Amino acid sequence: MAPPLKLLTFLLLFLFIFPKGNTGQPCDLSSIEITTTNTGSKVGYDPVFEVEVKNSCRCGTKSVFLRSEGFASSMPVDRKLFRREGIGYLLNNGDRIASSASVKFHYSWDRAFKMSPASLQVEHCS
């Protein structure tokens, strides 16, 4: 087989096996990265924490829900960014979070709460 024909065969086989990257569901809960940082500020005696939730999926996501057992805050939390909804916490009012974008919110309590992604919807992308 001539070298150009071998190369063409290899490229076609590669594109057939790996069309546009991931062939299955492009994202899952592991695509949501959550980082909690103590800002150094205080509300009364309680430290203020900043939570950054990043969409590391290659597609946009929406209706992102977080799980956080026993969550409480001694300061108001922006309800458009983070609020109790059913048994979870709705992020960003359920609105779209673009690929590589983050949503940040603040709360204050005597300790940081463990947060994890509970569910999300992935937008169609190619």
C-alpha atoms as a PDB file:
ATOM      1  CA  MET A   1       0.000   0.000   0.000  1.00  0.00           C
ATOM      2  CA  ALA A   2       1.394   3.403  -0.964  1.00  0.00           C
ATOM      3  CA  PRO A   3       2.320   5.747   1.947  1.00  0.00           C
ATOM      4  CA  PRO A   4      -0.378   8.377   1.119  1.00  0.00           C
ATOM      5  CA  LEU A   5      -3.043   5.656   0.998  1.00  0.00           C
ATOM      6  CA  LYS A   6      -1.870   4.272   4.369  1.00  0.00           C
ATOM      7  CA  LEU A   7      -2.099   7.755   5.892  1.00  0.00           C
ATOM      8  CA  LEU A   8      -5.586   8.312   4.473  1.00  0.00           C
ATOM      9  CA  THR A   9      -6.738   4.921   5.774  1.00  0.00           C
ATOM     10  CA  PHE A  10      -5.318   5.701   9.219  1.00  0.00           C
ATOM     11  CA  LEU A  11      -7.008   9.140   9.322  1.00  0.00           C
ATOM     12  CA  LEU A  12     -10.394   7.734   8.272  1.00  0.00           C
ATOM     13  CA  LEU A  13     -10.135   4.965  10.856  1.00  0.00           C
ATOM     14  CA  PHE A  14      -9.161   7.497  13.560  1.00  0.00           C
ATOM     15  CA  LEU A  15     -12.095   9.781  12.686  1.00  0.00           C
ATOM     16  CA  PHE A  16     -14.483   6.838  12.693  1.00  0.00           C
ATOM     17  CA  ILE A  17     -13.329   5.688  16.147  1.00  0.00           C
ATOM     18  CA  PHE A  18     -13.100   9.189  17.702  1.00  0.00           C
ATOM     19  CA  PRO A  19     -15.668  11.458  16.001  1.00  0.00           C
ATOM     20  CA  LYS A  20     -15.563  14.967  17.503  1.00  0.00           C
ATOM     21  CA  GLY A  21     -13.940  13.805  20.723  1.00  0.00           C
ATOM     22  CA  ASN A  22     -16.228  12.079  23.191  1.00  0.00           C
ATOM     23  CA  THR A  23     -18.897   9.919  21.584  1.00  0.00           C
ATOM     24  CA  GLY A  24     -21.006   9.414  24.724  1.00  0.00           C
ATOM     25  CA  GLN A  25     -22.494  11.878  27.167  1.00  0.00           C
ATOM     26  CA  PRO A  26     -20.051  14.800  27.028  1.00  0.00           C
ATOM     27  CA  CYS A  27     -20.237  15.616  30.739  1.00  0.00           C
ATOM     28  CA  ASP A  28     -21.224  14.238  34.091  1.00  0.00           C
ATOM     29  CA  LEU A  29     -21.171  15.349  37.725  1.00  0.00           C
ATOM     30  CA  SER A  30     -17.370  15.229  37.742  1.00  0.00           C
ATOM     31  CA  SER A  31     -17.465  18.147  35.265  1.00  0.00           C
ATOM     32  CA  ILE A  32     -18.559  20.431  38.107  1.00  0.00           C
ATOM     33  CA  GLU A  33     -15.629  21.621  40.243  1.00  0.00           C
ATOM     34  CA  ILE A  34     -16.386  23.175  43.633  1.00  0.00           C
ATOM     35  CA  THR A  35     -13.831  25.195  45.591  1.00  0.00           C
ATOM     36  CA  THR A  36     -14.525  26.778  48.985  1.00  0.00           C
ATOM     37  CA  THR A  37     -12.147  29.464  50.249  1.00  0.00           C
ATOM     38  CA  ASN A  38     -12.048  31.341  53.552  1.00  0.00           C
ATOM     39  CA  THR A  39     -11.985  35.027  52.516  1.00  0.00           C
ATOM     40  CA  GLY A  40     -10.493  36.227  55.818  1.00  0.00           C
ATOM     41  CA  SER A  41     -13.543  38.438  56.457  1.00  0.00           C
ATOM     42  CA  LYS A  42     -15.965  37.848  59.310  1.00  0.00           C
ATOM     43  CA  VAL A  43     -19.628  38.416  60.057  1.00  0.00           C
ATOM     44  CA  GLY A  44     -19.656  38.678  63.836  1.00  0.00           C
ATOM     45  CA  TYR A  45     -17.497  35.732  64.879  1.00  0.00           C
ATOM     46  CA  ASP A  46     -18.221  33.669  61.752  1.00  0.00           C
ATOM     47  CA  PRO A  47     -15.728  33.530  58.870  1.00  0.00           C
ATOM     48  CA  VAL A  48     -16.974  34.376  55.362  1.00  0.00           C
ATOM     49  CA  PHE A  49     -16.474  31.700  52.719  1.00  0.00           C
ATOM     50  CA  GLU A  50     -16.463  32.100  48.948  1.00  0.00           C
ATOM     51  CA  VAL A  51     -17.710  29.142  46.945  1.00  0.00           C
ATOM     52  CA  GLU A  52     -16.681  28.921  43.297  1.00  0.00           C
ATOM     53  CA  VAL A  53     -18.504  26.394  41.139  1.00  0.00           C
ATOM     54  CA  LYS A  54     -16.794  25.891  37.774  1.00  0.00           C
ATOM     55  CA  ASN A  55     -18.242  24.138  34.737  1.00  0.00           C
ATOM     56  CA  SER A  56     -15.296  22.200  33.299  1.00  0.00           C
ATOM     57  CA  CYS A  57     -17.532  20.485  30.748  1.00  0.00           C
ATOM     58  CA  ARG A  58     -16.878  21.302  27.100  1.00  0.00           C
ATOM     59  CA  CYS A  59     -20.607  22.132  26.842  1.00  0.00           C
ATOM     60  CA  GLY A  60     -22.790  24.598  28.695  1.00  0.00           C
ATOM     61  CA  THR A  61     -24.790  23.307  31.640  1.00  0.00           C
ATOM     62  CA  LYS A  62     -27.967  24.450  33.363  1.00  0.00           C
ATOM     63  CA  SER A  63     -30.188  23.433  36.275  1.00  0.00           C
ATOM     64  CA  VAL A  64     -27.108  22.637  38.351  1.00  0.00           C
ATOM     65  CA  PHE A  65     -28.035  21.368  41.815  1.00  0.00           C
ATOM     66  CA  LEU A  66     -25.615  20.982  44.703  1.00  0.00           C
ATOM     67  CA  ARG A  67     -25.801  18.791  47.776  1.00  0.00           C
ATOM     68  CA  SER A  68     -24.765  20.295  51.130  1.00  0.00           C
ATOM     69  CA  GLU A  69     -25.938  18.586  54.284  1.00  0.00           C
ATOM     70  CA  GLY A  70     -26.892  20.983  57.088  1.00  0.00           C
ATOM     71  CA  PHE A  71     -26.025  24.148  55.149  1.00  0.00           C
ATOM     72  CA  ALA A  72     -26.657  27.396  57.026  1.00  0.00           C
ATOM     73  CA  SER A  73     -25.407  30.974  56.816  1.00  0.00           C
ATOM     74  CA  SER A  74     -25.303  33.820  59.315  1.00  0.00           C
ATOM     75  CA  MET A  75     -25.403  36.316  56.438  1.00  0.00           C
ATOM     76  CA  PRO A  76     -27.861  36.524  53.525  1.00  0.00           C
ATOM     77  CA  VAL A  77     -26.858  34.472  50.471  1.00  0.00           C
ATOM     78  CA  ASP A  78     -27.878  35.825  47.051  1.00  0.00           C
ATOM     79  CA  ARG A  79     -30.895  33.618  46.213  1.00  0.00           C
ATOM     80  CA  LYS A  80     -30.268  34.003  42.483  1.00  0.00           C
ATOM     81  CA  LEU A  81     -26.888  32.335  42.931  1.00  0.00           C
ATOM     82  CA  PHE A  82     -27.630  29.667  45.560  1.00  0.00           C
ATOM     83  CA  ARG A  83     -30.913  28.640  47.182  1.00  0.00           C
ATOM     84  CA  ARG A  84     -32.654  25.656  48.698  1.00  0.00           C
ATOM     85  CA  GLU A  85     -34.939  23.953  46.196  1.00  0.00           C
ATOM     86  CA  GLY A  86     -36.458  20.622  47.182  1.00  0.00           C
ATOM     87  CA  ILE A  87     -33.785  18.442  48.746  1.00  0.00           C
ATOM     88  CA  GLY A  88     -30.877  20.230  47.034  1.00  0.00           C
ATOM     89  CA  TYR A  89     -29.557  23.707  46.318  1.00  0.00           C
ATOM     90  CA  LEU A  90     -30.135  25.339  42.935  1.00  0.00           C
ATOM     91  CA  LEU A  91     -27.164  27.196  41.514  1.00  0.00           C
ATOM     92  CA  ASN A  92     -27.319  30.344  39.350  1.00  0.00           C
ATOM     93  CA  ASN A  93     -31.145  30.428  39.347  1.00  0.00           C
ATOM     94  CA  GLY A  94     -31.016  27.321  37.126  1.00  0.00           C
ATOM     95  CA  ASP A  95     -29.617  29.435  34.286  1.00  0.00           C
ATOM     96  CA  ARG A  96     -26.894  28.438  31.848  1.00  0.00           C
ATOM     97  CA  ILE A  97     -23.275  28.207  32.929  1.00  0.00           C
ATOM     98  CA  ALA A  98     -21.012  28.369  29.904  1.00  0.00           C
ATOM     99  CA  SER A  99     -18.102  25.989  29.403  1.00  0.00           C
ATOM    100  CA  SER A 100     -15.155  26.993  31.641  1.00  0.00           C
ATOM    101  CA  ALA A 101     -17.299  29.633  33.394  1.00  0.00           C
ATOM    102  CA  SER A 102     -17.760  29.916  37.150  1.00  0.00           C
ATOM    103  CA  VAL A 103     -20.477  31.010  39.535  1.00  0.00           C
ATOM    104  CA  LYS A 104     -19.383  32.434  42.905  1.00  0.00           C
ATOM    105  CA  PHE A 105     -21.347  33.110  46.062  1.00  0.00           C
ATOM    106  CA  HIS A 106     -20.554  33.871  49.695  1.00  0.00           C
ATOM    107  CA  TYR A 107     -21.847  32.597  53.013  1.00  0.00           C
ATOM    108  CA  SER A 108     -20.787  32.866  56.632  1.00  0.00           C
ATOM    109  CA  TRP A 109     -20.776  30.167  59.312  1.00  0.00           C
ATOM    110  CA  ASP A 110     -18.433  28.855  61.980  1.00  0.00           C
ATOM    111  CA  ARG A 111     -17.126  26.245  59.520  1.00  0.00           C
ATOM    112  CA  ALA A 112     -17.075  25.486  55.813  1.00  0.00           C
ATOM    113  CA  PHE A 113     -19.746  23.119  54.499  1.00  0.00           C
ATOM    114  CA  LYS A 114     -18.908  20.221  52.209  1.00  0.00           C
ATOM    115  CA  MET A 115     -20.638  20.699  48.852  1.00  0.00           C
ATOM    116  CA  SER A 116     -20.910  18.324  45.933  1.00  0.00           C
ATOM    117  CA  PRO A 117     -22.771  18.311  42.607  1.00  0.00           C
ATOM    118  CA  ALA A 118     -26.106  16.472  42.792  1.00  0.00           C
ATOM    119  CA  SER A 119     -27.471  16.891  39.246  1.00  0.00           C
ATOM    120  CA  LEU A 120     -27.188  18.975  36.087  1.00  0.00           C
ATOM    121  CA  GLN A 121     -28.507  19.274  32.562  1.00  0.00           C
ATOM    122  CA  VAL A 122     -26.021  19.381  29.704  1.00  0.00           C
ATOM    123  CA  GLU A 123     -26.811  21.531  26.678  1.00  0.00           C
ATOM    124  CA  HIS A 124     -26.373  20.055  23.234  1.00  0.00           C
ATOM    125  CA  CYS A 125     -23.002  20.940  21.768  1.00  0.00           C
ATOM    126  CA  SER A 126     -20.869  19.603  18.961  1.00  0.00           C
END
